[in-house]
């Protein structure tokens, strides 16, 4: 599953978004963010969703948001900060740009091949 989505890692001048790369990291993300993403283990393993972490490029070990991408990789299901807080406009814009220009554009190129 990770091989399918690793290519969607993306960074800007300030932020990076990348897939959570293991069950251990999924658990750590839930602990650090104080939300329930760790309970998505089976959903993630079965390929029913994809979980990404958003980080500040200068603090790559500290998550600032967690994103759930739909199974068909067409939409963001959830985008939450610590304690399930709504994320800043900057983070939301970054993630929407990522979805439109990185995830969906790569999907279109794949279908065209």
Protein backbone atom coordinates (compact mmCIF):
# COMPACT_ATOMS: atom_id res chain seq x y z
CA UNK A 1 0.00 0.00 0.00
CA UNK A 2 2.80 2.39 0.91
CA UNK A 3 4.40 1.88 -2.50
CA UNK A 4 1.18 3.09 -4.16
CA UNK A 5 1.13 6.39 -2.28
CA UNK A 6 4.77 7.16 -1.46
CA UNK A 7 4.92 9.06 -4.77
CA UNK A 8 2.46 11.58 -3.34
CA UNK A 9 5.02 13.01 -0.92
CA UNK A 10 5.18 16.75 -1.56
CA UNK A 11 6.74 19.82 0.01
CA UNK A 12 6.53 23.57 -0.29
CA UNK A 13 8.85 26.17 1.21
CA UNK A 14 7.27 25.62 4.66
CA UNK A 15 5.30 22.36 4.71
CA UNK A 16 5.67 18.74 3.75
CA UNK A 17 2.98 16.09 3.35
CA UNK A 18 3.85 12.42 3.23
CA UNK A 19 2.17 9.10 3.94
CA UNK A 20 2.38 7.61 7.39
CA UNK A 21 4.91 4.87 6.72
CA UNK A 22 4.13 2.22 9.34
CA UNK A 23 1.64 1.11 11.96
CA UNK A 24 4.10 2.32 14.61
CA UNK A 25 4.12 5.78 13.03
CA UNK A 26 0.31 5.72 12.84
CA UNK A 27 0.22 5.08 16.59
CA UNK A 28 2.78 7.82 17.26
CA UNK A 29 0.79 10.25 15.10
CA UNK A 30 -2.31 9.55 17.19
CA UNK A 31 -0.42 10.05 20.44
CA UNK A 32 1.31 13.27 19.36
CA UNK A 33 -1.84 14.70 17.80
CA UNK A 34 -4.20 13.56 20.58
CA UNK A 35 -6.75 12.13 18.19
CA UNK A 36 -7.99 8.70 17.11
CA UNK A 37 -6.00 8.09 13.90
CA UNK A 38 -4.35 5.04 15.50
CA UNK A 39 -7.74 3.30 15.38
CA UNK A 40 -7.56 3.43 11.56
CA UNK A 41 -5.03 0.60 11.49
CA UNK A 42 -7.30 -2.01 9.85
CA UNK A 43 -8.80 0.54 7.48
CA UNK A 44 -5.29 1.53 6.38
CA UNK A 45 -4.01 -2.05 6.03
CA UNK A 46 -7.03 -3.05 3.95
CA UNK A 47 -6.52 -0.09 1.61
CA UNK A 48 -9.84 1.52 2.51
CA UNK A 49 -8.10 4.83 3.20
CA UNK A 50 -4.71 6.47 3.13
CA UNK A 51 -3.27 8.48 6.01
CA UNK A 52 -0.84 11.33 5.51
CA UNK A 53 0.98 13.52 7.98
CA UNK A 54 1.58 17.22 7.45
CA UNK A 55 4.72 18.66 9.00
CA UNK A 56 6.57 21.95 9.16
CA UNK A 57 9.66 21.51 6.99
CA UNK A 58 11.84 22.88 9.82
CA UNK A 59 10.37 20.43 12.39
CA UNK A 60 9.98 17.18 10.43
CA UNK A 61 9.48 15.02 13.53
CA UNK A 62 6.44 16.93 14.79
CA UNK A 63 3.09 16.52 13.03
CA UNK A 64 0.90 19.60 12.68
CA UNK A 65 -1.99 17.95 10.83
CA UNK A 66 -3.24 14.51 9.85
CA UNK A 67 -5.04 13.88 6.57
CA UNK A 68 -7.24 10.98 5.52
CA UNK A 69 -7.43 10.50 1.76
CA UNK A 70 -10.31 8.54 0.26
CA UNK A 71 -9.80 5.03 -1.06
CA UNK A 72 -10.13 6.25 -4.66
CA UNK A 73 -7.69 9.10 -3.88
CA UNK A 74 -10.16 11.69 -5.18
CA UNK A 75 -10.94 13.64 -2.01
CA UNK A 76 -9.79 14.54 1.44
CA UNK A 77 -12.03 12.83 3.99
CA UNK A 78 -10.54 14.47 7.08
CA UNK A 79 -7.89 17.09 7.76
CA UNK A 80 -7.34 17.74 11.45
CA UNK A 81 -4.84 19.38 13.76
CA UNK A 82 -4.06 18.51 17.37
CA UNK A 83 -7.07 17.46 19.41
CA UNK A 84 -9.08 17.30 16.15
CA UNK A 85 -8.83 21.07 15.74
CA UNK A 86 -9.63 22.71 12.45
CA UNK A 87 -6.38 23.46 10.61
CA UNK A 88 -5.23 26.93 9.56
CA UNK A 89 -6.19 28.33 6.18
CA UNK A 90 -2.56 27.95 5.05
CA UNK A 91 -2.49 24.23 5.83
CA UNK A 92 -5.88 23.68 4.22
CA UNK A 93 -4.78 25.54 1.07
CA UNK A 94 -1.53 23.54 0.95
CA UNK A 95 -3.44 20.24 1.21
CA UNK A 96 -6.02 21.26 -1.40
CA UNK A 97 -3.21 22.26 -3.77
CA UNK A 98 -1.52 18.90 -3.09
CA UNK A 99 -4.72 16.99 -3.85
CA UNK A 100 -5.43 18.87 -7.08
CA UNK A 101 -1.92 19.22 -8.51
CA UNK A 102 -0.01 16.26 -7.09
CA UNK A 103 -2.42 13.43 -6.33
CA UNK A 104 -5.02 13.98 -9.04
CA UNK A 105 -2.61 15.10 -11.75
CA UNK A 106 -0.53 11.94 -11.25
CA UNK A 107 -3.70 9.86 -11.42
CA UNK A 108 -4.67 11.50 -14.73
CA UNK A 109 -1.20 10.86 -16.19
CA UNK A 110 -1.39 7.23 -15.07
CA UNK A 111 -4.76 6.74 -16.82
CA UNK A 112 -3.45 8.38 -19.99
CA UNK A 113 -0.55 5.91 -20.21
